[in-house]
Protein backbone atom coordinates (compact mmCIF):
# COMPACT_ATOMS: atom_id res chain seq x y z
CA UNK A 1 6.65 -23.81 20.84
CA UNK A 2 6.91 -25.19 17.35
CA UNK A 3 4.34 -22.86 16.02
CA UNK A 4 5.69 -19.94 17.77
CA UNK A 5 9.43 -20.55 16.33
CA UNK A 6 7.73 -20.88 12.72
CA UNK A 7 6.10 -17.71 12.79
CA UNK A 8 9.04 -15.39 11.76
CA UNK A 9 9.83 -17.69 8.50
CA UNK A 10 6.05 -17.70 7.58
CA UNK A 11 6.22 -14.16 8.00
CA UNK A 12 9.32 -13.41 5.81
CA UNK A 13 8.09 -15.98 3.19
CA UNK A 14 4.66 -14.12 2.77
CA UNK A 15 6.53 -10.49 2.73
CA UNK A 16 9.34 -11.65 0.22
CA UNK A 17 6.04 -12.93 -2.29
CA UNK A 18 3.77 -9.83 -1.81
CA UNK A 19 7.03 -7.93 -2.08
CA UNK A 20 8.06 -9.26 -5.60
CA UNK A 21 4.66 -9.26 -6.69
CA UNK A 22 4.01 -5.54 -5.44
CA UNK A 23 6.87 -4.62 -6.99
CA UNK A 24 5.88 -6.01 -10.46
CA UNK A 25 2.35 -4.52 -10.08
CA UNK A 26 4.01 -1.02 -8.96
CA UNK A 27 6.77 -1.21 -11.87
CA UNK A 28 4.10 -2.20 -14.25
CA UNK A 29 1.72 0.51 -13.01
CA UNK A 30 4.19 3.17 -13.53
CA UNK A 31 5.53 1.68 -16.86
CA UNK A 32 1.80 1.90 -18.13
CA UNK A 33 1.65 5.44 -17.31
CA UNK A 34 4.58 6.29 -19.27
CA UNK A 35 3.09 5.54 -22.68
CA UNK A 36 -0.67 6.60 -21.33
CA UNK A 37 1.15 10.13 -20.44
CA UNK A 38 2.32 10.73 -24.15
CA UNK A 39 -0.59 9.29 -25.92
CA UNK A 40 -3.11 11.26 -23.47
CA UNK A 41 -1.09 14.22 -21.97
CA UNK A 42 -1.45 15.91 -18.83
CA UNK A 43 -4.82 16.78 -19.63
CA UNK A 44 -6.06 12.86 -20.63
CA UNK A 45 -4.13 11.87 -17.57
CA UNK A 46 -6.00 14.25 -15.33
CA UNK A 47 -9.62 12.54 -16.66
CA UNK A 48 -7.61 9.11 -16.06
CA UNK A 49 -6.61 9.93 -12.29
CA UNK A 50 -9.63 11.62 -11.23
CA UNK A 51 -11.94 8.59 -12.16
CA UNK A 52 -9.36 6.20 -10.48
CA UNK A 53 -9.40 8.36 -7.44
CA UNK A 54 -13.15 8.31 -7.12
CA UNK A 55 -12.97 4.42 -7.69
CA UNK A 56 -10.59 3.91 -4.97
CA UNK A 57 -12.36 5.77 -2.84
CA UNK A 58 -15.48 4.31 -3.15
CA UNK A 59 -14.10 0.87 -2.95
CA UNK A 60 -12.33 1.52 0.43
CA UNK A 61 -15.90 2.64 1.76
CA UNK A 62 -17.19 -0.56 0.56
CA UNK A 63 -14.71 -3.18 1.49
CA UNK A 64 -11.84 -1.48 2.83
CA UNK A 65 -12.35 -3.29 6.10
CA UNK A 66 -13.53 -6.50 5.30
CA UNK A 67 -10.10 -8.05 3.92
CA UNK A 68 -8.87 -6.90 6.90
CA UNK A 69 -11.30 -8.28 9.21
CA UNK A 70 -11.64 -11.45 7.49
CA UNK A 71 -7.82 -12.23 7.86
CA UNK A 72 -7.91 -11.24 11.15
CA UNK A 73 -11.09 -13.67 11.76
CA UNK A 74 -9.79 -16.40 9.84
CA UNK A 75 -5.94 -15.75 11.70
CA UNK A 76 -7.28 -15.63 15.03
CA UNK A 77 -9.80 -18.84 14.73
CA UNK A 78 -8.62 -21.38 17.22
CA UNK A 79 -7.33 -24.53 16.33
CA UNK A 80 -10.07 -26.98 17.16
CA UNK A 81 -12.47 -29.50 15.76
CA UNK A 82 -14.78 -27.51 13.79
CA UNK A 83 -12.18 -25.06 12.69
CA UNK A 84 -12.58 -25.80 9.05
CA UNK A 85 -16.19 -25.63 9.11
CA UNK A 86 -16.05 -22.00 11.27
CA UNK A 87 -13.21 -20.90 8.54
CA UNK A 88 -15.54 -21.61 5.54
CA UNK A 89 -18.63 -19.94 7.23
CA UNK A 90 -16.58 -16.80 7.95
CA UNK A 91 -15.79 -17.09 4.27
CA UNK A 92 -19.58 -17.34 3.03
CA UNK A 93 -20.61 -14.38 5.16
CA UNK A 94 -17.76 -12.39 3.77
CA UNK A 95 -18.78 -13.13 0.35
CA UNK A 96 -22.41 -12.01 0.46
CA UNK A 97 -21.30 -8.76 2.20
CA UNK A 98 -18.45 -8.38 -0.41
CA UNK A 99 -21.00 -9.00 -3.14
CA UNK A 100 -23.80 -6.89 -2.28
CA UNK A 101 -21.12 -3.52 -1.60
CA UNK A 102 -19.64 -4.24 -4.71
CA UNK A 103 -22.91 -4.18 -6.82
CA UNK A 104 -24.18 -1.23 -4.95
CA UNK A 105 -20.54 0.66 -5.56
CA UNK A 106 -20.45 -0.11 -9.08
CA UNK A 107 -24.01 1.13 -9.86
CA UNK A 108 -23.50 4.45 -7.90
CA UNK A 109 -20.57 5.23 -10.02
CA UNK A 110 -22.49 4.68 -12.97
CA UNK A 111 -25.54 6.65 -12.08
CA UNK A 112 -24.15 9.32 -10.71
CA UNK A 113 -21.03 9.44 -13.16
CA UNK A 114 -21.86 12.97 -14.34
CA UNK A 115 -22.46 14.42 -10.70
CA UNK A 116 -19.27 13.18 -9.44
CA UNK A 117 -17.36 14.60 -12.31
CA UNK A 118 -19.00 17.99 -12.31
CA UNK A 119 -17.79 17.90 -8.35
CA UNK A 120 -14.15 17.59 -9.32
CA UNK A 121 -14.43 20.62 -11.54
CA UNK A 122 -13.96 18.58 -14.48
CA UNK A 123 -16.85 17.69 -16.28
CA UNK A 124 -15.60 15.55 -19.03
CA UNK A 125 -14.02 13.00 -16.18
CA UNK A 126 -17.40 11.25 -16.27
CA UNK A 127 -16.88 8.75 -19.47
CA UNK A 128 -13.95 7.52 -17.06
CA UNK A 129 -16.06 7.27 -13.91
CA UNK A 130 -18.31 5.34 -16.01
CA UNK A 131 -15.80 2.73 -17.80
CA UNK A 132 -14.02 2.01 -14.42
CA UNK A 133 -17.31 1.53 -12.49
CA UNK A 134 -17.77 -2.27 -13.20
CA UNK A 135 -14.33 -2.58 -11.56
CA UNK A 136 -15.61 -1.95 -7.90
CA UNK A 137 -17.67 -5.11 -8.10
CA UNK A 138 -14.67 -7.27 -9.79
CA UNK A 139 -12.37 -6.18 -7.10
CA UNK A 140 -14.72 -6.69 -4.17
CA UNK A 141 -15.28 -10.15 -5.03
CA UNK A 142 -11.44 -10.46 -5.22
CA UNK A 143 -10.89 -9.04 -2.02
CA UNK A 144 -12.94 -11.46 -0.31
CA UNK A 145 -10.74 -14.39 -1.77
CA UNK A 146 -7.38 -12.39 -1.08
CA UNK A 147 -8.50 -12.12 2.33
CA UNK A 148 -9.31 -15.84 2.89
CA UNK A 149 -6.10 -16.76 1.57
CA UNK A 150 -4.08 -14.20 3.69
CA UNK A 151 -5.75 -15.26 7.17
CA UNK A 152 -4.24 -18.56 5.96
CA UNK A 153 -0.81 -16.69 5.54
CA UNK A 154 -0.75 -18.11 2.11
CA UNK A 155 0.24 -15.15 -0.10
CA UNK A 156 0.73 -16.66 -3.21
CA UNK A 157 -2.90 -16.47 -4.85
CA UNK A 158 -2.95 -12.83 -3.89
CA UNK A 159 0.25 -12.11 -5.48
CA UNK A 160 -0.65 -14.26 -8.91
CA UNK A 161 -3.71 -12.63 -8.97
CA UNK A 162 -2.16 -9.08 -8.42
CA UNK A 163 0.25 -9.69 -11.20
CA UNK A 164 -2.37 -10.80 -13.31
CA UNK A 165 -4.14 -7.93 -13.02
CA UNK A 166 -1.16 -5.32 -13.40
CA UNK A 167 -0.38 -7.23 -16.99
CA UNK A 168 -3.76 -7.34 -18.23
CA UNK A 169 -4.06 -3.41 -17.23
CA UNK A 170 -0.48 -2.52 -18.72
CA UNK A 171 -1.15 -4.55 -22.10
CA UNK A 172 -4.91 -3.71 -22.74
CA UNK A 173 -5.03 -0.26 -21.29
CA UNK A 174 -2.56 0.89 -23.68
CA UNK A 175 -3.66 -0.84 -26.69
CA UNK A 176 -7.04 0.89 -25.94
CA UNK A 177 -5.95 4.21 -25.73
CA UNK A 178 -3.92 3.93 -29.33
CA UNK A 179 -6.73 2.37 -30.72
CA UNK A 180 -9.18 5.13 -29.40
CA UNK A 181 -6.17 7.72 -30.70
CA UNK A 182 -6.20 6.07 -34.36
CA UNK A 183 -9.84 6.26 -34.29
CA UNK A 184 -9.76 10.25 -33.83
CA UNK A 185 -11.61 10.23 -30.81
CA UNK A 186 -11.26 12.77 -28.23
CA UNK A 187 -8.52 12.93 -25.20
CA UNK A 188 -11.60 11.96 -22.68
CA UNK A 189 -13.11 9.57 -24.83
CA UNK A 190 -9.58 8.05 -25.41
CA UNK A 191 -8.91 8.07 -21.61
CA UNK A 192 -12.10 6.21 -21.07
CA UNK A 193 -10.63 3.30 -23.44
CA UNK A 194 -7.41 3.62 -21.32
CA UNK A 195 -9.22 2.94 -18.23
CA UNK A 196 -11.32 0.16 -19.72
CA UNK A 197 -7.99 -1.79 -19.43
CA UNK A 198 -8.12 -1.61 -15.61
CA UNK A 199 -11.65 -3.09 -15.78
CA UNK A 200 -10.66 -6.10 -17.86
CA UNK A 201 -7.80 -6.74 -15.71
CA UNK A 202 -9.28 -6.73 -12.63
CA UNK A 203 -11.95 -8.93 -13.94
CA UNK A 204 -9.28 -11.42 -15.11
CA UNK A 205 -7.57 -11.25 -11.84
CA UNK A 206 -10.82 -12.09 -10.32
CA UNK A 207 -11.04 -15.00 -12.19
CA UNK A 208 -8.01 -16.85 -11.20
CA UNK A 209 -8.57 -16.29 -7.57
CA UNK A 210 -12.17 -17.90 -7.98
CA UNK A 211 -10.31 -20.91 -9.74
CA UNK A 212 -7.51 -20.93 -6.78
CA UNK A 213 -10.10 -20.91 -4.40
CA UNK A 214 -12.23 -23.64 -6.04
CA UNK A 215 -8.94 -25.77 -6.37
CA UNK A 216 -7.95 -24.93 -2.78
CA UNK A 217 -7.45 -27.96 -0.43
CA UNK A 218 -8.37 -26.98 2.77
CA UNK A 219 -7.28 -30.29 4.52
CA UNK A 220 -3.95 -30.00 2.98
CA UNK A 221 -3.27 -26.44 4.25
CA UNK A 222 -0.90 -26.76 7.66
CA UNK A 223 -2.70 -23.63 9.00
CA UNK A 224 -5.83 -25.21 8.64
CA UNK A 225 -5.32 -28.65 10.20
CA UNK A 226 -6.99 -29.65 13.63
CA UNK A 227 -4.43 -29.33 16.18
CA UNK A 228 -6.63 -30.11 19.24
CA UNK A 229 -10.12 -30.01 20.46
CA UNK A 230 -10.64 -27.57 23.12
CA UNK A 231 -13.12 -28.47 25.63
CA UNK A 232 -16.38 -29.55 24.87
CA UNK A 233 -17.66 -25.86 24.05
CA UNK A 234 -15.86 -25.84 20.53
CA UNK A 235 -18.90 -24.80 18.15
CA UNK A 236 -19.44 -23.12 14.94
CA UNK A 237 -20.58 -19.67 15.30
CA UNK A 238 -23.84 -18.40 13.40
CA UNK A 239 -24.10 -16.32 10.51
CA UNK A 240 -25.36 -13.29 12.76
CA UNK A 241 -22.62 -13.90 15.38
CA UNK A 242 -19.91 -13.65 12.53
CA UNK A 243 -21.64 -10.49 10.91
CA UNK A 244 -21.51 -8.63 14.13
CA UNK A 245 -17.90 -9.61 14.70
CA UNK A 246 -16.50 -9.20 11.39
CA UNK A 247 -18.58 -5.66 11.23
CA UNK A 248 -17.09 -4.63 14.55
CA UNK A 249 -13.58 -5.16 13.32
CA UNK A 250 -14.33 -3.79 9.73
CA UNK A 251 -15.93 -0.64 10.63
CA UNK A 252 -13.10 0.99 12.39
CA UNK A 253 -10.57 -0.44 9.85
CA UNK A 254 -12.94 0.91 7.17
CA UNK A 255 -13.07 4.15 8.44
CA UNK A 256 -9.67 4.92 8.99
CA UNK A 257 -8.53 3.19 5.51
CA UNK A 258 -11.02 5.61 3.79
CA UNK A 259 -9.34 8.52 5.55
CA UNK A 260 -6.11 7.18 4.58
CA UNK A 261 -7.38 7.47 0.74
CA UNK A 262 -8.88 10.69 1.13
CA UNK A 263 -5.66 12.61 0.53
CA UNK A 264 -5.80 11.57 -3.07
CA UNK A 265 -9.75 12.32 -3.28
CA UNK A 266 -9.30 16.09 -1.56
CA UNK A 267 -6.71 16.58 -4.16
CA UNK A 268 -9.28 15.33 -7.03
CA UNK A 269 -11.85 17.56 -5.47
CA UNK A 270 -9.95 20.49 -4.52
CA UNK A 271 -6.92 21.11 -6.92
CA UNK A 272 -8.63 21.72 -10.11
CA UNK A 273 -11.54 23.82 -8.33
CA UNK A 274 -9.09 26.08 -6.22
CA UNK A 275 -6.70 26.68 -9.13
CA UNK A 276 -9.39 27.86 -11.18
CA UNK A 277 -9.71 30.73 -8.94
CA UNK A 278 -6.53 32.22 -10.39
CA UNK A 279 -5.87 30.50 -13.86
CA UNK A 280 -7.94 28.73 -16.51
CA UNK A 281 -9.85 25.74 -16.20
CA UNK A 282 -7.39 23.87 -18.50
CA UNK A 283 -4.52 24.89 -17.04
CA UNK A 284 -5.77 23.70 -13.86
CA UNK A 285 -6.56 20.48 -15.10
CA UNK A 286 -2.97 20.26 -16.60
CA UNK A 287 -1.44 20.70 -13.40
CA UNK A 288 -3.64 18.23 -11.51
CA UNK A 289 -2.89 15.50 -14.26
CA UNK A 290 0.98 16.48 -14.23
CA UNK A 291 0.97 15.89 -10.42
CA UNK A 292 -0.99 12.86 -10.16
CA UNK A 293 0.35 11.18 -12.74
CA UNK A 294 4.18 11.94 -12.44
CA UNK A 295 4.75 12.99 -8.67
CA UNK A 296 2.04 10.99 -7.16
CA UNK A 297 2.68 7.71 -8.99
CA UNK A 298 6.61 7.87 -8.48
CA UNK A 299 6.09 8.60 -4.82
CA UNK A 300 3.83 5.62 -4.44
CA UNK A 301 6.44 3.38 -5.62
CA UNK A 302 8.04 2.53 -2.50
CA UNK A 303 4.97 1.00 -1.10
CA UNK A 304 5.59 -1.99 -2.94
CA UNK A 305 8.21 -3.05 -0.29
CA UNK A 306 6.22 -1.54 2.53
CA UNK A 307 2.53 -2.75 2.16
CA UNK A 308 3.70 -6.66 1.94
CA UNK A 309 5.08 -6.35 5.29
CA UNK A 310 2.37 -4.95 6.77
CA UNK A 311 -0.16 -7.55 4.95
CA UNK A 312 1.97 -10.41 6.27
CA UNK A 313 2.31 -8.66 9.85
CA UNK A 314 -1.51 -8.92 10.44
CA UNK A 315 -2.17 -12.54 10.37
CA UNK A 316 1.25 -13.44 11.96
CA UNK A 317 0.64 -11.14 14.89
CA UNK A 318 -2.66 -11.92 15.63
CA UNK A 319 -2.02 -15.51 15.42
CA UNK A 320 0.83 -14.72 17.82
CA UNK A 321 -1.27 -12.94 20.03
CA UNK A 322 -4.16 -15.40 20.11
CA UNK A 323 -1.47 -18.29 21.17
CA UNK A 324 -0.41 -16.45 23.92
CA UNK A 325 -3.68 -15.41 25.27
CA UNK A 326 -4.43 -19.56 24.97
CA UNK A 327 -1.07 -20.55 26.45
CA UNK A 328 -0.86 -23.33 28.62
CA UNK A 329 1.05 -21.60 31.08
CA UNK A 330 3.07 -18.45 32.05
CA UNK A 331 6.28 -19.63 30.35
CA UNK A 332 4.50 -20.36 27.18
CA UNK A 333 2.55 -16.97 27.43
CA UNK A 334 5.89 -15.28 27.97
CA UNK A 335 7.53 -17.05 24.90
CA UNK A 336 4.70 -16.07 22.64
CA UNK A 337 4.84 -12.37 23.86
CA UNK A 338 8.55 -12.12 23.38
CA UNK A 339 8.01 -13.43 19.85
CA UNK A 340 5.26 -10.87 19.09
CA UNK A 341 7.44 -7.96 20.36
CA UNK A 342 10.38 -9.12 18.14
CA UNK A 343 8.25 -9.46 15.32
CA UNK A 344 6.64 -5.71 15.50
CA UNK A 345 10.28 -4.29 16.05
CA UNK A 346 11.86 -6.03 12.98
CA UNK A 347 8.55 -5.15 10.56
CA UNK A 348 8.84 -1.31 11.87
CA UNK A 349 13.02 -1.45 11.52
CA UNK A 350 12.77 -3.27 7.87
CA UNK A 351 9.88 -0.43 6.89
CA UNK A 352 12.13 2.44 8.19
CA UNK A 353 15.58 1.11 6.55
CA UNK A 354 13.39 0.85 3.21
CA UNK A 355 11.56 3.99 3.47
CA UNK A 356 14.36 6.68 4.82
CA UNK A 357 16.59 6.12 1.51
CA UNK A 358 13.79 6.27 -0.48
CA UNK A 359 12.35 9.42 0.53
CA UNK A 360 15.72 10.94 0.80
CA UNK A 361 16.74 9.69 -2.62
CA UNK A 362 13.70 10.77 -4.59
CA UNK A 363 14.25 14.13 -2.97
CA UNK A 364 17.46 14.40 -4.04
CA UNK A 365 17.11 13.24 -7.64
CA UNK A 366 13.65 14.10 -8.26
CA UNK A 367 14.19 15.48 -11.94
CA UNK A 368 16.40 12.82 -12.66
CA UNK A 369 14.43 10.06 -11.83
CA UNK A 370 11.43 11.15 -13.55
CA UNK A 371 13.60 11.84 -17.14
CA UNK A 372 14.30 8.09 -16.87
CA UNK A 373 10.58 7.52 -17.67
CA UNK A 374 8.89 10.15 -19.10
CA UNK A 375 10.20 11.98 -22.34
CA UNK A 376 8.30 14.95 -22.11
CA UNK A 377 10.67 17.61 -20.87
CA UNK A 378 8.06 20.32 -19.38
CA UNK A 379 5.83 17.65 -17.63
CA UNK A 380 9.16 16.53 -15.78
CA UNK A 381 10.05 19.89 -15.22
CA UNK A 382 6.63 20.54 -13.79
CA UNK A 383 6.73 17.58 -11.79
CA UNK A 384 10.28 17.44 -10.04
CA UNK A 385 9.97 19.78 -7.53
CA UNK A 386 6.77 18.59 -6.59
CA UNK A 387 7.98 15.12 -6.30
CA UNK A 388 10.70 16.54 -3.93
CA UNK A 389 8.13 17.88 -1.50
CA UNK A 390 6.34 14.75 -1.74
CA UNK A 391 8.64 12.18 -1.50
CA UNK A 392 9.46 13.28 2.28
CA UNK A 393 6.21 11.56 3.03
CA UNK A 394 7.05 8.27 1.90
CA UNK A 395 8.91 7.54 5.46
CA UNK A 396 5.60 8.87 7.24
CA UNK A 397 3.84 6.63 4.87
CA UNK A 398 5.83 3.70 5.66
CA UNK A 399 5.35 4.22 9.50
CA UNK A 400 1.72 4.69 9.56
CA UNK A 401 1.55 1.35 7.33
CA UNK A 402 2.97 -0.89 10.00
CA UNK A 403 1.85 0.87 13.04
CA UNK A 404 -1.67 0.56 11.54
CA UNK A 405 -1.37 -3.13 11.19
CA UNK A 406 0.20 -3.09 14.87
CA UNK A 407 -2.82 -1.27 16.29
CA UNK A 408 -5.43 -3.77 14.31
CA UNK A 409 -3.55 -7.17 15.15
CA UNK A 410 -4.10 -5.63 18.84
CA UNK A 411 -7.98 -5.12 18.38
CA UNK A 412 -6.83 -1.24 18.56
CA UNK A 413 -8.69 -0.49 14.84
CA UNK A 414 -10.47 2.48 16.56
CA UNK A 415 -7.44 4.22 17.87
CA UNK A 416 -6.75 4.74 13.84
CA UNK A 417 -9.66 6.45 13.20
CA UNK A 418 -8.69 9.14 15.67
CA UNK A 419 -5.16 9.43 13.84
CA UNK A 420 -6.40 9.09 10.31
CA UNK A 421 -9.05 11.59 10.23
CA UNK A 422 -6.74 14.15 12.55
CA UNK A 423 -4.43 13.96 9.45
CA UNK A 424 -7.12 14.37 6.81
CA UNK A 425 -8.26 17.39 8.55
CA UNK A 426 -4.91 18.90 8.23
CA UNK A 427 -4.67 17.90 4.49
CA UNK A 428 -8.00 19.24 3.99
CA UNK A 429 -7.20 22.73 5.70
CA UNK A 430 -3.62 23.23 4.38
CA UNK A 431 -5.14 22.11 0.75
CA UNK A 432 -7.94 24.77 0.75
CA UNK A 433 -5.37 27.79 2.18
CA UNK A 434 -2.35 26.71 0.62
CA UNK A 435 -3.50 26.21 -3.26
CA UNK A 436 -5.79 28.96 -3.51
CA UNK A 437 -2.59 31.40 -3.09
CA UNK A 438 -1.10 31.95 -6.58
CA UNK A 439 2.37 32.19 -5.63
CA UNK A 440 2.18 28.64 -4.09
CA UNK A 441 -0.42 26.98 -6.02
CA UNK A 442 -0.27 23.23 -6.83
CA UNK A 443 2.97 23.30 -4.50
CA UNK A 444 0.08 22.98 -1.79
CA UNK A 445 -0.89 19.64 -2.67
CA UNK A 446 2.27 17.66 -1.78
CA UNK A 447 2.74 19.71 1.24
CA UNK A 448 -0.45 19.21 2.62
CA UNK A 449 0.16 15.77 2.10
CA UNK A 450 3.18 15.20 3.75
CA UNK A 451 1.74 17.37 6.84
CA UNK A 452 -1.20 14.70 6.94
CA UNK A 453 0.86 12.03 6.93
CA UNK A 454 3.22 13.08 9.53
CA UNK A 455 0.27 13.83 11.70
CA UNK A 456 -1.36 10.17 11.22
CA UNK A 457 1.65 8.51 12.28
CA UNK A 458 2.69 10.58 14.94
CA UNK A 459 -0.76 10.05 16.51
CA UNK A 460 -0.38 6.43 15.62
CA UNK A 461 3.09 5.93 17.50
CA UNK A 462 1.59 7.34 20.89
CA UNK A 463 -1.14 5.26 20.70
CA UNK A 464 1.73 2.50 19.97
CA UNK A 465 4.06 3.54 22.92
CA UNK A 466 0.94 4.19 25.37
CA UNK A 467 -1.34 0.92 24.74
CA UNK A 468 1.19 -1.70 23.24
CA UNK A 469 4.80 -0.74 24.37
CA UNK A 470 7.78 -0.21 22.01
CA UNK A 471 11.51 -0.22 23.32
CA UNK A 472 13.67 2.44 22.50
CA UNK A 473 15.94 0.69 20.84
CA UNK A 474 13.59 1.01 17.41
CA UNK A 475 14.16 4.97 17.62
CA UNK A 476 17.72 4.38 17.75
CA UNK A 477 17.54 2.39 14.50
CA UNK A 478 15.95 4.87 13.19
CA UNK A 479 18.57 7.27 13.60
CA UNK A 480 21.10 5.05 12.35
CA UNK A 481 19.00 4.54 9.27
CA UNK A 482 18.89 8.30 8.70
CA UNK A 483 22.35 8.98 9.29
CA UNK A 484 23.21 6.09 6.76
CA UNK A 485 21.05 7.60 4.28
CA UNK A 486 22.39 11.21 4.45
CA UNK A 487 26.23 9.68 4.13
CA UNK A 488 24.84 7.72 1.13
CA UNK A 489 23.16 10.83 -0.80
CA UNK A 490 25.83 12.54 -0.34
CA UNK A 491 27.47 9.81 -2.19
CA UNK A 492 24.63 9.83 -4.58
CA UNK A 493 25.19 13.66 -5.46
CA UNK A 494 29.03 13.13 -6.06
CA UNK A 495 28.62 10.27 -8.12
CA UNK A 496 25.94 11.81 -10.30
CA UNK A 497 27.88 15.18 -10.97
CA UNK A 498 31.00 13.17 -11.37
CA UNK A 499 29.63 10.86 -14.34
CA UNK A 500 27.20 13.25 -15.52
CA UNK A 501 30.22 15.24 -16.66
CA UNK A 502 31.15 13.08 -19.07
CA UNK A 503 28.20 10.56 -19.94
CA UNK A 504 24.72 10.73 -20.51
CA UNK A 505 22.40 11.98 -17.56
CA UNK A 506 20.27 8.58 -17.58
CA UNK A 507 23.31 6.37 -17.17
CA UNK A 508 24.61 8.76 -14.32
CA UNK A 509 21.18 8.38 -12.66
CA UNK A 510 21.35 4.89 -12.68
CA UNK A 511 24.82 4.25 -11.38
CA UNK A 512 24.07 7.02 -8.89
CA UNK A 513 21.51 4.89 -7.42
CA UNK A 514 23.31 1.74 -7.56
CA UNK A 515 26.08 3.47 -5.82
CA UNK A 516 23.79 4.62 -3.17
CA UNK A 517 22.32 1.42 -2.15
CA UNK A 518 25.88 -0.31 -1.87
CA UNK A 519 27.05 2.26 0.24
CA UNK A 520 23.80 2.52 2.41
CA UNK A 521 23.62 -1.19 2.92
CA UNK A 522 27.44 -1.40 4.05
CA UNK A 523 26.82 1.31 6.53
CA UNK A 524 23.79 -0.14 7.85
CA UNK A 525 25.50 -3.05 9.09
CA UNK A 526 28.67 -0.69 10.14
CA UNK A 527 26.45 0.89 12.25
CA UNK A 528 25.59 -2.10 13.47
CA UNK A 529 21.43 -1.63 12.78
CA UNK A 530 20.55 -5.11 12.49
CA UNK A 531 20.15 -7.83 15.67
CA UNK A 532 20.67 -11.42 15.47
CA UNK A 533 16.59 -11.80 15.62
CA UNK A 534 16.16 -9.74 12.29
CA UNK A 535 18.58 -11.97 10.47
CA UNK A 536 17.37 -15.20 11.66
CA UNK A 537 13.77 -14.02 10.12
CA UNK A 538 15.52 -14.20 6.76
CA UNK A 539 15.39 -17.90 4.76
CA UNK A 540 18.66 -19.38 5.57
CA UNK A 541 19.14 -17.02 8.27
CA UNK A 542 21.26 -18.99 10.48
CA UNK A 543 24.00 -19.25 7.37
CA UNK A 544 23.25 -15.61 6.79
CA UNK A 545 23.97 -14.61 10.60
CA UNK A 546 27.40 -17.25 10.99
CA UNK A 547 28.78 -14.95 7.81
CA UNK A 548 27.82 -11.80 8.93
CA UNK A 549 29.04 -12.49 12.60
CA UNK A 550 32.57 -13.62 11.01
CA UNK A 551 33.13 -10.31 9.39
CA UNK A 552 31.77 -8.48 12.67
CA UNK A 553 28.87 -7.03 10.57
CA UNK A 554 26.43 -7.99 13.26
CA UNK A 555 26.72 -8.49 17.11
C-alpha cells in the first residue's frame, strides 16, 4: 500500500506546480490585455477576441480529448515488463494524430478566415484569424507532450512551457501592437500584429517541450519503473489497438470540452449580430470587445486555481482506480477505494472553498477590481455590471471542472456530453432571446453564461451521485464555505467604505481584498471545514495538522 499513501502528496505537488504556473499565466494574460486595451480600444480588442475564440474552438475540436486520453492511458498502464515500450508507443500514436489535426486546423483557419469573420458579423476580424492560425499547429504538438508528462504525474514541463508561452505573448504581443500603431496601421491591422504575439509565444513553448521530452530519461522517472511482471500475457498493444482506445476515450471528452468552450464562441457569433438589430455595427463591436476583454477575462482568472486541481486529479484518480481493480485482495481493494473517495472529496472541497469567495468578491467589488487594472473609466463603467453577473458563474465553472475530471477518471466521459450540450443549449437559447431585447442587450450574454454553467454542473453532479457516489458531508462543507464567504463579504464592503472615505479607491480595494482573505480563512477553521485527511494532503501536512489541532482549528 505504499503507492496508495503516496498518491495524495503527488496530487498536491502537481496542484501546487500547476497553480503557480496557471496563476502566472492568467496574470500575464490579464496584464497583457491592459496595455492592449489602451492601444487597440474596445473595438480593436473585439477583433482580437473574435479570432481567439475561433482559434480556441478549432483547437478543442482538433485535440481537446487527446491530451486527457493520453494522460488517462499512460497513468492507467499497468506497471509490468513492457510498461515503458507501451507508454512510448501510446505517445507516438498520439503525436501522429496531433500533427495531422493541428496542420489541418491551421489550414482551415487560414483558408476560410474571411468567411469565419463574416459569420461573426465583423468582417475586419479576418486578419486576426489569419495571424493566429499557425498557433493551432504549435499548440497541438505541445498538447501531446504535455499529456505525456501529465500521464506520469510530472507537471513541471507543462508549467514551465505555459509560463514560457505567457511571457512571450505578453512581451512580443504588446511590442508588435505598439509598433503597428506607430507605423500608422489601422486598428484591425494592429490587432493582427498583437495576436501574432500569441503565435510566437506558443511556438516557443512548443520548442521547450520538445527539448524537455528529448532530455527526459524515462528510466529515472519513478512512475515509469517496472514494478512487477503481471503474468505471461503482458504485451505491447498494436498501433491500431492504441488508436481505437485513444479515440474511444478522446471523442466524448472532445465533444464535452468543445461544448464548454462553445459559450465563448456563441458570444462571438451572436452578440454583434444580435445587437445590430437595434444599434450600429460599431457600437455592437465595442460592446463585445468591452465584455470579452474586461468582464470575461477577469471572470476566468479564478480558473488559475481550479484547473490545476482537475489536471492533477485525473491521472491520480485514474491510477488509484486502476490499482483498485488490480488489487490482490479485498482489504487492499477497500484501501484504494477509500483513498479514491478522499481524493475526490478533497478536490471538490478545495475547489468550492476557492471559487465561492471569488464569485462573491468579484460580484461585490466588480467596478473597483476592474478600476485597479484598466484606466478607461467608460470601459470600466460599462464592464462592471457585466462582471457582477458573470462572476456568479465562477462557482459553477469550478464545480463543473472538477466533476468532469471525476467522471472522466471513472470512464464516464460519455455522460459529460449530455451535461455539456444541455448547458450549451440553454446558453444559445437565452443569448438569442435576451441580447436581441434592447432593454437587456449585452447583459443577456453573462446571464445566459451563468445559466448554462449552472445547468452543466447540476447534471454532472446528478451523474456523480448516481454512478460514483458522494457523501453528504461535501454539501455540508459547501454550506460552510458559503456562510464564511457571505460573512467575509460584509467585512469587505465595510473595510472598503471605511478606507475609501479618506484614501485612494485603489488602496481601499486592495486592503479590502486582503482583509477579506484573512477573515475568510479564519472562519473556515472556526467552522471546522477541514478534516485531517485534507490537511495531510498538504506538504508538511503532519506538522501543520499538529499545530492546527493544538489551537483547536481542526478536529
